[in-house]
Amino acid sequence: MDDMWHGDDLDLDAYLNRIGFTGERAPTLAALRALQRGHTTSIPFENLEPVLGRPVLLDVPSLQEKLVRSPRGGYCFEHTALFAAVLERFGFDFTALVGRVVIGAPEGSVRPATHALVVVRPEDDEREWLCDVGFGSGPLEPLVLAEGIEVEQDGWGFRLVRLPDDEFGVRHWTLYQDGPDGWVRRHVFAQVPAFPVDYAVASHYVATHERSPFTGRVFAQKFTTDSLRQLDNLTLTTIRPDGKREIRELELSEFAGVLADFGLVPPAEDLEALLKVVG
């Protein structure tokens, strides 16, 4: 299972060029930090394939064609499957996980496990590190998996809270993100290994089910050190690290240009179909 995530199929040079990584190719904490920062600020979050009614492909050749070689991005399962292939090539010891997005959910409610993330154990550090490259809004760098950890990364705040272990001794966690409205519960996850087949099944639900938030509207995010920009059909929201938020309703004629600003340039026929969705 050494090649579970098919890292050997990855054009590593092309990926590292895409994210601007120039460091040592070794399974170290410094490399992990640089990889996550480069990935989260270079490859946007988007759901254009589900909106266009096309399948989301998670094999490495398809992922690198879309997220690396094309002016496109993806959602969490695409980002994390690609990142897992990179981690494999670097020689990292890691475990893929799934989480439950709980933004806006009442305490105690159970949401489906439709978010992908990984826990990594660098060669030169005894701790475990949470890498979440597929949510679209950070963290910029890995978070050490420890109770009550609270960090600020270029002004963006994140917090991890450990929940009670379950009856099988499995550790459970909640990730919080600081934003315009204060600390928000973002997702919960258990340290139970997930495998490519688990990602394929969950991704199929996210990409096709009528109750999925990603099948009926265009949603994209571009995260940088100084802003988080979110596009929800024709609503453009810009959030700053200090919590300031600006919301603007776009004209239909602005849509293609804003997509391009996010790093998304779909073919003309796809753009025409997307305009019908958002308009």
C-alpha atoms as a PDB file:
ATOM      1  CA  MET A   1       0.000   0.000   0.000  1.00  0.00           C
ATOM      2  CA  ASP A   2       3.065   2.251  -0.355  1.00  0.00           C
ATOM      3  CA  ASP A   3       1.597   3.700  -3.559  1.00  0.00           C
ATOM      4  CA  MET A   4      -2.007   3.890  -2.343  1.00  0.00           C
ATOM      5  CA  TRP A   5      -2.380   7.488  -3.559  1.00  0.00           C
ATOM      6  CA  HIS A   6      -0.513   6.825  -6.824  1.00  0.00           C
ATOM      7  CA  GLY A   7       2.248   9.329  -6.240  1.00  0.00           C
ATOM      8  CA  ASP A   8       4.283   7.644  -8.978  1.00  0.00           C
ATOM      9  CA  ASP A   9       1.737   8.932 -11.509  1.00  0.00           C
ATOM     10  CA  LEU A  10       2.367  12.531 -10.447  1.00  0.00           C
ATOM     11  CA  ASP A  11       4.441  15.014 -12.432  1.00  0.00           C
ATOM     12  CA  LEU A  12       6.067  16.361  -9.281  1.00  0.00           C
ATOM     13  CA  ASP A  13       8.105  19.033 -11.058  1.00  0.00           C
ATOM     14  CA  ALA A  14       4.965  20.494 -12.642  1.00  0.00           C
ATOM     15  CA  TYR A  15       3.112  20.495  -9.317  1.00  0.00           C
ATOM     16  CA  LEU A  16       5.943  22.167  -7.420  1.00  0.00           C
ATOM     17  CA  ASN A  17       6.244  24.789 -10.140  1.00  0.00           C
ATOM     18  CA  ARG A  18       2.477  25.400  -9.918  1.00  0.00           C
ATOM     19  CA  ILE A  19       2.666  26.176  -6.200  1.00  0.00           C
ATOM     20  CA  GLY A  20       6.045  27.935  -6.248  1.00  0.00           C
ATOM     21  CA  PHE A  21       7.866  25.405  -4.052  1.00  0.00           C
ATOM     22  CA  THR A  22      11.662  25.691  -4.234  1.00  0.00           C
ATOM     23  CA  GLY A  23      12.706  23.955  -1.010  1.00  0.00           C
ATOM     24  CA  GLU A  24      14.320  20.618  -0.281  1.00  0.00           C
ATOM     25  CA  ARG A  25      12.292  17.616  -1.397  1.00  0.00           C
ATOM     26  CA  ALA A  26      12.381  15.810   1.929  1.00  0.00           C
ATOM     27  CA  PRO A  27       9.683  14.725   4.432  1.00  0.00           C
ATOM     28  CA  THR A  28      10.453  17.518   6.894  1.00  0.00           C
ATOM     29  CA  LEU A  29       8.229  19.923   8.788  1.00  0.00           C
ATOM     30  CA  ALA A  30       9.696  22.876   6.881  1.00  0.00           C
ATOM     31  CA  ALA A  31       8.816  21.236   3.569  1.00  0.00           C
ATOM     32  CA  LEU A  32       5.312  20.393   4.798  1.00  0.00           C
ATOM     33  CA  ARG A  33       4.701  23.998   5.799  1.00  0.00           C
ATOM     34  CA  ALA A  34       5.910  25.284   2.455  1.00  0.00           C
ATOM     35  CA  LEU A  35       3.860  22.731   0.528  1.00  0.00           C
ATOM     36  CA  GLN A  36       0.626  23.607   2.296  1.00  0.00           C
ATOM     37  CA  ARG A  37       1.174  27.358   2.042  1.00  0.00           C
ATOM     38  CA  GLY A  38       1.990  27.084  -1.637  1.00  0.00           C
ATOM     39  CA  HIS A  39      -0.949  24.811  -2.387  1.00  0.00           C
ATOM     40  CA  THR A  40      -3.608  26.784  -0.521  1.00  0.00           C
ATOM     41  CA  THR A  41      -2.590  30.117  -2.045  1.00  0.00           C
ATOM     42  CA  SER A  42      -2.021  28.866  -5.605  1.00  0.00           C
ATOM     43  CA  ILE A  43      -4.807  26.425  -6.461  1.00  0.00           C
ATOM     44  CA  PRO A  44      -8.349  27.784  -6.018  1.00  0.00           C
ATOM     45  CA  PHE A  45     -11.400  26.040  -4.638  1.00  0.00           C
ATOM     46  CA  GLU A  46     -14.217  25.585  -7.161  1.00  0.00           C
ATOM     47  CA  ASN A  47     -17.127  23.338  -8.099  1.00  0.00           C
ATOM     48  CA  LEU A  48     -17.546  23.942 -11.826  1.00  0.00           C
ATOM     49  CA  GLU A  49     -17.625  20.248 -12.791  1.00  0.00           C
ATOM     50  CA  PRO A  50     -20.664  19.366 -10.619  1.00  0.00           C
ATOM     51  CA  VAL A  51     -22.501  22.482 -11.789  1.00  0.00           C
ATOM     52  CA  LEU A  52     -21.826  21.484 -15.396  1.00  0.00           C
ATOM     53  CA  GLY A  53     -23.104  17.979 -14.698  1.00  0.00           C
ATOM     54  CA  ARG A  54     -19.754  16.298 -15.243  1.00  0.00           C
ATOM     55  CA  PRO A  55     -18.112  13.670 -13.023  1.00  0.00           C
ATOM     56  CA  VAL A  56     -15.330  14.716 -10.665  1.00  0.00           C
ATOM     57  CA  LEU A  57     -12.305  12.520 -11.386  1.00  0.00           C
ATOM     58  CA  LEU A  58      -9.896  11.690  -8.558  1.00  0.00           C
ATOM     59  CA  ASP A  59      -7.209   9.707 -10.393  1.00  0.00           C
ATOM     60  CA  VAL A  60      -3.839  11.458 -10.362  1.00  0.00           C
ATOM     61  CA  PRO A  61      -3.527  12.024 -14.140  1.00  0.00           C
ATOM     62  CA  SER A  62      -6.939  13.728 -14.184  1.00  0.00           C
ATOM     63  CA  LEU A  63      -6.158  15.759 -11.073  1.00  0.00           C
ATOM     64  CA  GLN A  64      -2.869  17.071 -12.398  1.00  0.00           C
ATOM     65  CA  GLU A  65      -4.384  17.876 -15.791  1.00  0.00           C
ATOM     66  CA  LYS A  66      -7.113  19.943 -14.110  1.00  0.00           C
ATOM     67  CA  LEU A  67      -5.477  21.420 -10.990  1.00  0.00           C
ATOM     68  CA  VAL A  68      -1.854  21.628 -12.136  1.00  0.00           C
ATOM     69  CA  ARG A  69      -1.733  22.100 -15.898  1.00  0.00           C
ATOM     70  CA  SER A  70      -4.994  24.006 -16.417  1.00  0.00           C
ATOM     71  CA  PRO A  71      -6.279  27.340 -15.047  1.00  0.00           C
ATOM     72  CA  ARG A  72      -8.692  25.504 -12.790  1.00  0.00           C
ATOM     73  CA  GLY A  73      -9.090  24.322  -9.216  1.00  0.00           C
ATOM     74  CA  GLY A  74     -11.269  21.822  -7.410  1.00  0.00           C
ATOM     75  CA  TYR A  75     -13.062  20.949  -4.211  1.00  0.00           C
ATOM     76  CA  CYS A  76     -11.750  19.173  -1.129  1.00  0.00           C
ATOM     77  CA  PHE A  77     -11.515  15.617  -2.434  1.00  0.00           C
ATOM     78  CA  GLU A  78      -9.607  16.758  -5.514  1.00  0.00           C
ATOM     79  CA  HIS A  79      -7.227  18.969  -3.539  1.00  0.00           C
ATOM     80  CA  THR A  80      -6.570  16.390  -0.847  1.00  0.00           C
ATOM     81  CA  ALA A  81      -6.144  13.429  -3.199  1.00  0.00           C
ATOM     82  CA  LEU A  82      -3.595  15.458  -5.175  1.00  0.00           C
ATOM     83  CA  PHE A  83      -1.835  16.577  -1.982  1.00  0.00           C
ATOM     84  CA  ALA A  84      -1.742  12.970  -0.743  1.00  0.00           C
ATOM     85  CA  ALA A  85       0.059  11.955  -3.942  1.00  0.00           C
ATOM     86  CA  VAL A  86       2.580  14.736  -3.299  1.00  0.00           C
ATOM     87  CA  LEU A  87       3.088  13.641   0.318  1.00  0.00           C
ATOM     88  CA  GLU A  88       3.639  10.094  -0.904  1.00  0.00           C
ATOM     89  CA  ARG A  89       6.304  11.236  -3.358  1.00  0.00           C
ATOM     90  CA  PHE A  90       8.072  13.234  -0.639  1.00  0.00           C
ATOM     91  CA  GLY A  91       8.121  10.172   1.616  1.00  0.00           C
ATOM     92  CA  PHE A  92       5.875  11.535   4.367  1.00  0.00           C
ATOM     93  CA  ASP A  93       4.090   9.239   6.807  1.00  0.00           C
ATOM     94  CA  PHE A  94       0.465  10.369   6.776  1.00  0.00           C
ATOM     95  CA  THR A  95      -3.131   9.282   7.280  1.00  0.00           C
ATOM     96  CA  ALA A  96      -6.032  10.491   5.178  1.00  0.00           C
ATOM     97  CA  LEU A  97      -9.222  11.374   7.065  1.00  0.00           C
ATOM     98  CA  VAL A  98     -12.748  12.562   6.401  1.00  0.00           C
ATOM     99  CA  GLY A  99     -14.564  15.248   8.369  1.00  0.00           C
ATOM    100  CA  ARG A 100     -18.058  16.646   8.781  1.00  0.00           C
ATOM    101  CA  VAL A 101     -18.638  20.300   7.903  1.00  0.00           C
ATOM    102  CA  VAL A 102     -20.665  21.846  10.736  1.00  0.00           C
ATOM    103  CA  ILE A 103     -20.769  25.542   9.853  1.00  0.00           C
ATOM    104  CA  GLY A 104     -24.245  26.706  10.855  1.00  0.00           C
ATOM    105  CA  ALA A 105     -25.238  23.279  12.185  1.00  0.00           C
ATOM    106  CA  PRO A 106     -26.847  23.018  15.652  1.00  0.00           C
ATOM    107  CA  GLU A 107     -24.683  21.481  18.362  1.00  0.00           C
ATOM    108  CA  GLY A 108     -25.220  17.732  18.474  1.00  0.00           C
ATOM    109  CA  SER A 109     -26.487  17.395  14.921  1.00  0.00           C
ATOM    110  CA  VAL A 110     -24.733  14.930  12.627  1.00  0.00           C
ATOM    111  CA  ARG A 111     -23.683  16.069   9.178  1.00  0.00           C
ATOM    112  CA  PRO A 112     -22.395  13.718   6.446  1.00  0.00           C
ATOM    113  CA  ALA A 113     -18.664  13.057   6.247  1.00  0.00           C
ATOM    114  CA  THR A 114     -17.983  15.076   3.104  1.00  0.00           C
ATOM    115  CA  HIS A 115     -14.699  16.848   3.802  1.00  0.00           C
ATOM    116  CA  ALA A 116     -11.200  15.494   3.142  1.00  0.00           C
ATOM    117  CA  LEU A 117      -8.053  16.220   5.155  1.00  0.00           C
ATOM    118  CA  VAL A 118      -4.840  14.498   6.247  1.00  0.00           C
ATOM    119  CA  VAL A 119      -2.727  14.096   9.379  1.00  0.00           C
ATOM    120  CA  VAL A 120       1.009  14.064   8.687  1.00  0.00           C
ATOM    121  CA  ARG A 121       3.981  12.893  10.745  1.00  0.00           C
ATOM    122  CA  PRO A 122       7.156  14.627   9.483  1.00  0.00           C
ATOM    123  CA  GLU A 123      10.438  12.755   9.665  1.00  0.00           C
ATOM    124  CA  ASP A 124      12.096  15.405  11.850  1.00  0.00           C
ATOM    125  CA  ASP A 125       9.214  16.059  14.277  1.00  0.00           C
ATOM    126  CA  GLU A 126       7.500  13.708  16.732  1.00  0.00           C
ATOM    127  CA  ARG A 127       4.151  15.497  16.600  1.00  0.00           C
ATOM    128  CA  GLU A 128       1.189  14.976  14.293  1.00  0.00           C
ATOM    129  CA  TRP A 129       0.161  17.828  12.011  1.00  0.00           C
ATOM    130  CA  LEU A 130      -3.251  18.501  10.488  1.00  0.00           C
ATOM    131  CA  CYS A 131      -3.138  19.515   6.820  1.00  0.00           C
ATOM    132  CA  ASP A 132      -6.351  20.904   5.355  1.00  0.00           C
ATOM    133  CA  VAL A 133      -5.643  22.067   1.810  1.00  0.00           C
ATOM    134  CA  GLY A 134      -9.121  21.595   0.383  1.00  0.00           C
ATOM    135  CA  PHE A 135     -11.492  23.842   2.299  1.00  0.00           C
ATOM    136  CA  GLY A 136     -10.643  26.968   0.347  1.00  0.00           C
ATOM    137  CA  SER A 137      -9.980  29.228   3.325  1.00  0.00           C
ATOM    138  CA  GLY A 138      -6.883  27.849   4.975  1.00  0.00           C
ATOM    139  CA  PRO A 139      -5.127  27.209   7.227  1.00  0.00           C
ATOM    140  CA  LEU A 140      -2.104  28.517   5.374  1.00  0.00           C
ATOM    141  CA  GLU A 141       0.139  26.012   7.149  1.00  0.00           C
ATOM    142  CA  PRO A 142      -0.328  22.750   9.069  1.00  0.00           C
ATOM    143  CA  LEU A 143      -1.737  22.853  12.601  1.00  0.00           C
ATOM    144  CA  VAL A 144      -0.113  20.751  15.287  1.00  0.00           C
ATOM    145  CA  LEU A 145      -2.710  18.245  16.435  1.00  0.00           C
ATOM    146  CA  ALA A 146      -2.884  19.157  20.112  1.00  0.00           C
ATOM    147  CA  GLU A 147      -5.664  20.074  22.513  1.00  0.00           C
ATOM    148  CA  GLY A 148      -6.491  23.767  22.676  1.00  0.00           C
ATOM    149  CA  ILE A 149      -3.966  24.820  20.061  1.00  0.00           C
ATOM    150  CA  GLU A 150      -4.695  28.325  18.795  1.00  0.00           C
ATOM    151  CA  VAL A 151      -2.607  29.933  16.084  1.00  0.00           C
ATOM    152  CA  GLU A 152      -2.539  33.051  13.965  1.00  0.00           C
ATOM    153  CA  GLN A 153      -1.127  32.724  10.456  1.00  0.00           C
ATOM    154  CA  ASP A 154      -0.630  36.057   8.716  1.00  0.00           C
ATOM    155  CA  GLY A 155      -3.582  37.394  10.708  1.00  0.00           C
ATOM    156  CA  TRP A 156      -5.879  34.394  10.105  1.00  0.00           C
ATOM    157  CA  GLY A 157      -6.882  32.593  13.296  1.00  0.00           C
ATOM    158  CA  PHE A 158      -7.456  28.855  13.777  1.00  0.00           C
ATOM    159  CA  ARG A 159      -8.150  26.730  16.837  1.00  0.00           C
ATOM    160  CA  LEU A 160      -8.305  22.986  17.513  1.00  0.00           C
ATOM    161  CA  VAL A 161     -10.429  21.544  20.315  1.00  0.00           C
ATOM    162  CA  ARG A 162     -10.268  17.876  21.253  1.00  0.00           C
ATOM    163  CA  LEU A 163     -13.609  16.222  21.910  1.00  0.00           C
ATOM    164  CA  PRO A 164     -14.099  13.202  24.211  1.00  0.00           C
ATOM    165  CA  ASP A 165     -12.776   9.953  22.782  1.00  0.00           C
ATOM    166  CA  ASP A 166     -15.459   7.544  21.639  1.00  0.00           C
ATOM    167  CA  GLU A 167     -16.063   4.102  23.131  1.00  0.00           C
ATOM    168  CA  PHE A 168     -13.350   2.641  20.908  1.00  0.00           C
ATOM    169  CA  GLY A 169     -10.725   5.139  22.051  1.00  0.00           C
ATOM    170  CA  VAL A 170     -10.765   7.074  18.778  1.00  0.00           C
ATOM    171  CA  ARG A 171      -9.781  10.720  19.074  1.00  0.00           C
ATOM    172  CA  HIS A 172     -12.243  13.342  17.818  1.00  0.00           C
ATOM    173  CA  TRP A 173     -11.520  16.999  17.065  1.00  0.00           C
ATOM    174  CA  THR A 174     -13.202  20.254  16.081  1.00  0.00           C
ATOM    175  CA  LEU A 175     -11.498  22.873  13.921  1.00  0.00           C
ATOM    176  CA  TYR A 176     -12.561  26.485  14.499  1.00  0.00           C
ATOM    177  CA  GLN A 177     -11.800  29.460  12.293  1.00  0.00           C
ATOM    178  CA  ASP A 178     -11.816  33.093  13.388  1.00  0.00           C
ATOM    179  CA  GLY A 179     -13.796  35.370  11.105  1.00  0.00           C
ATOM    180  CA  PRO A 180     -15.943  38.505  10.897  1.00  0.00           C
ATOM    181  CA  ASP A 181     -18.441  36.981  13.353  1.00  0.00           C
ATOM    182  CA  GLY A 182     -15.870  35.550  15.773  1.00  0.00           C
ATOM    183  CA  TRP A 183     -14.885  31.919  16.224  1.00  0.00           C
ATOM    184  CA  VAL A 184     -16.883  29.572  13.993  1.00  0.00           C
ATOM    185  CA  ARG A 185     -17.042  25.777  14.258  1.00  0.00           C
ATOM    186  CA  ARG A 186     -15.852  24.697  10.826  1.00  0.00           C
ATOM    187  CA  HIS A 187     -15.688  20.929  10.853  1.00  0.00           C
ATOM    188  CA  VAL A 188     -15.338  17.928  13.144  1.00  0.00           C
ATOM    189  CA  PHE A 189     -13.266  14.854  12.369  1.00  0.00           C
ATOM    190  CA  ALA A 190     -12.175  11.575  13.900  1.00  0.00           C
ATOM    191  CA  GLN A 191      -8.739  10.021  13.557  1.00  0.00           C
ATOM    192  CA  VAL A 192     -10.025   7.063  11.574  1.00  0.00           C
ATOM    193  CA  PRO A 193      -8.056   6.268   8.404  1.00  0.00           C
ATOM    194  CA  ALA A 194      -9.758   6.909   5.079  1.00  0.00           C
ATOM    195  CA  PHE A 195      -8.781   5.415   1.746  1.00  0.00           C
ATOM    196  CA  PRO A 196      -9.091   6.456  -1.903  1.00  0.00           C
ATOM    197  CA  VAL A 197     -12.289   4.426  -2.266  1.00  0.00           C
ATOM    198  CA  ASP A 198     -13.822   6.376   0.648  1.00  0.00           C
ATOM    199  CA  TYR A 199     -12.984   9.638  -1.084  1.00  0.00           C
ATOM    200  CA  ALA A 200     -14.505   8.352  -4.330  1.00  0.00           C
ATOM    201  CA  VAL A 201     -17.811   7.473  -2.656  1.00  0.00           C
ATOM    202  CA  ALA A 202     -18.094  10.718  -0.665  1.00  0.00           C
ATOM    203  CA  SER A 203     -17.054  12.796  -3.665  1.00  0.00           C
ATOM    204  CA  HIS A 204     -19.746  11.165  -5.801  1.00  0.00           C
ATOM    205  CA  TYR A 205     -22.366  12.270  -3.264  1.00  0.00           C
ATOM    206  CA  VAL A 206     -21.012  15.819  -3.149  1.00  0.00           C
ATOM    207  CA  ALA A 207     -20.867  16.053  -6.943  1.00  0.00           C
ATOM    208  CA  THR A 208     -24.255  14.551  -7.768  1.00  0.00           C
ATOM    209  CA  HIS A 209     -26.775  14.520  -4.915  1.00  0.00           C
ATOM    210  CA  GLU A 210     -29.632  16.993  -5.117  1.00  0.00           C
ATOM    211  CA  ARG A 211     -29.041  18.039  -1.502  1.00  0.00           C
ATOM    212  CA  SER A 212     -25.372  18.782  -2.064  1.00  0.00           C
ATOM    213  CA  PRO A 213     -24.597  22.518  -1.890  1.00  0.00           C
ATOM    214  CA  PHE A 214     -22.250  22.163  -4.873  1.00  0.00           C
ATOM    215  CA  THR A 215     -24.584  20.934  -7.615  1.00  0.00           C
ATOM    216  CA  GLY A 216     -26.883  23.896  -8.134  1.00  0.00           C
ATOM    217  CA  ARG A 217     -24.740  26.994  -7.821  1.00  0.00           C
ATOM    218  CA  VAL A 218     -21.274  28.181  -8.765  1.00  0.00           C
ATOM    219  CA  PHE A 219     -19.015  28.482  -5.739  1.00  0.00           C
ATOM    220  CA  ALA A 220     -15.332  29.417  -5.735  1.00  0.00           C
ATOM    221  CA  GLN A 221     -12.794  30.618  -3.187  1.00  0.00           C
ATOM    222  CA  LYS A 222      -9.361  32.173  -3.548  1.00  0.00           C
ATOM    223  CA  PHE A 223      -7.298  32.367  -0.357  1.00  0.00           C
ATOM    224  CA  THR A 224      -4.151  34.461   0.070  1.00  0.00           C
ATOM    225  CA  THR A 225      -2.218  35.929   2.957  1.00  0.00           C
ATOM    226  CA  ASP A 226      -4.250  39.154   2.875  1.00  0.00           C
ATOM    227  CA  SER A 227      -7.720  38.166   1.642  1.00  0.00           C
ATOM    228  CA  LEU A 228     -10.302  35.440   1.272  1.00  0.00           C
ATOM    229  CA  ARG A 229     -12.480  35.988  -1.786  1.00  0.00           C
ATOM    230  CA  GLN A 230     -15.646  33.969  -2.207  1.00  0.00           C
ATOM    231  CA  LEU A 231     -17.836  33.812  -5.299  1.00  0.00           C
ATOM    232  CA  ASP A 232     -21.360  32.455  -4.813  1.00  0.00           C
ATOM    233  CA  ASN A 233     -23.026  32.734  -8.222  1.00  0.00           C
ATOM    234  CA  LEU A 234     -22.982  36.524  -8.687  1.00  0.00           C
ATOM    235  CA  THR A 235     -22.231  37.450  -5.065  1.00  0.00           C
ATOM    236  CA  LEU A 236     -18.587  38.367  -4.480  1.00  0.00           C
ATOM    237  CA  THR A 237     -17.437  38.532  -0.855  1.00  0.00           C
ATOM    238  CA  THR A 238     -13.990  39.699   0.226  1.00  0.00           C
ATOM    239  CA  ILE A 239     -12.865  39.039   3.809  1.00  0.00           C
ATOM    240  CA  ARG A 240      -9.688  40.439   5.361  1.00  0.00           C
ATOM    241  CA  PRO A 241      -7.667  38.959   8.237  1.00  0.00           C
ATOM    242  CA  ASP A 242      -8.901  41.743  10.544  1.00  0.00           C
ATOM    243  CA  GLY A 243     -12.501  40.644   9.949  1.00  0.00           C
ATOM    244  CA  LYS A 244     -13.522  43.399   7.551  1.00  0.00           C
ATOM    245  CA  ARG A 245     -15.957  42.110   4.949  1.00  0.00           C
ATOM    246  CA  GLU A 246     -17.096  43.588   1.646  1.00  0.00           C
ATOM    247  CA  ILE A 247     -20.010  42.128  -0.330  1.00  0.00           C
ATOM    248  CA  ARG A 248     -20.785  43.086  -3.906  1.00  0.00           C
ATOM    249  CA  GLU A 249     -23.392  41.866  -6.372  1.00  0.00           C
ATOM    250  CA  LEU A 250     -21.846  41.398  -9.800  1.00  0.00           C
ATOM    251  CA  GLU A 251     -23.302  42.163 -13.167  1.00  0.00           C
ATOM    252  CA  LEU A 252     -23.513  39.138 -15.426  1.00  0.00           C
ATOM    253  CA  SER A 253     -20.942  40.774 -17.700  1.00  0.00           C
ATOM    254  CA  GLU A 254     -18.392  40.728 -14.841  1.00  0.00           C
ATOM    255  CA  PHE A 255     -18.655  37.009 -14.129  1.00  0.00           C
ATOM    256  CA  ALA A 256     -15.976  35.735 -16.521  1.00  0.00           C
ATOM    257  CA  GLY A 257     -13.494  38.383 -15.403  1.00  0.00           C
ATOM    258  CA  VAL A 258     -13.993  37.570 -11.734  1.00  0.00           C
ATOM    259  CA  LEU A 259     -13.556  33.865 -12.445  1.00  0.00           C
ATOM    260  CA  ALA A 260     -10.279  34.718 -14.165  1.00  0.00           C
ATOM    261  CA  ASP A 261      -9.225  36.778 -11.133  1.00  0.00           C
ATOM    262  CA  PHE A 262      -9.740  33.612  -9.086  1.00  0.00           C
ATOM    263  CA  GLY A 263      -7.482  31.737 -11.503  1.00  0.00           C
ATOM    264  CA  LEU A 264     -10.350  29.975 -13.269  1.00  0.00           C
ATOM    265  CA  VAL A 265     -10.565  30.142 -17.064  1.00  0.00           C
ATOM    266  CA  PRO A 266     -13.076  27.581 -18.367  1.00  0.00           C
ATOM    267  CA  PRO A 267     -13.512  26.963 -22.108  1.00  0.00           C
ATOM    268  CA  ALA A 268     -15.997  29.184 -23.935  1.00  0.00           C
ATOM    269  CA  GLU A 269     -18.715  26.531 -24.105  1.00  0.00           C
ATOM    270  CA  ASP A 270     -18.424  25.874 -20.357  1.00  0.00           C
ATOM    271  CA  LEU A 271     -18.541  29.586 -19.599  1.00  0.00           C
ATOM    272  CA  GLU A 272     -21.718  29.911 -21.651  1.00  0.00           C
ATOM    273  CA  ALA A 273     -23.335  27.106 -19.634  1.00  0.00           C
ATOM    274  CA  LEU A 274     -22.190  28.642 -16.332  1.00  0.00           C
ATOM    275  CA  LEU A 275     -23.656  32.019 -17.273  1.00  0.00           C
ATOM    276  CA  LYS A 276     -27.037  30.339 -17.650  1.00  0.00           C
ATOM    277  CA  VAL A 277     -26.704  28.926 -14.126  1.00  0.00           C
ATOM    278  CA  VAL A 278     -25.725  32.174 -12.403  1.00  0.00           C
ATOM    279  CA  GLY A 279     -27.944  34.447 -14.503  1.00  0.00           C
END
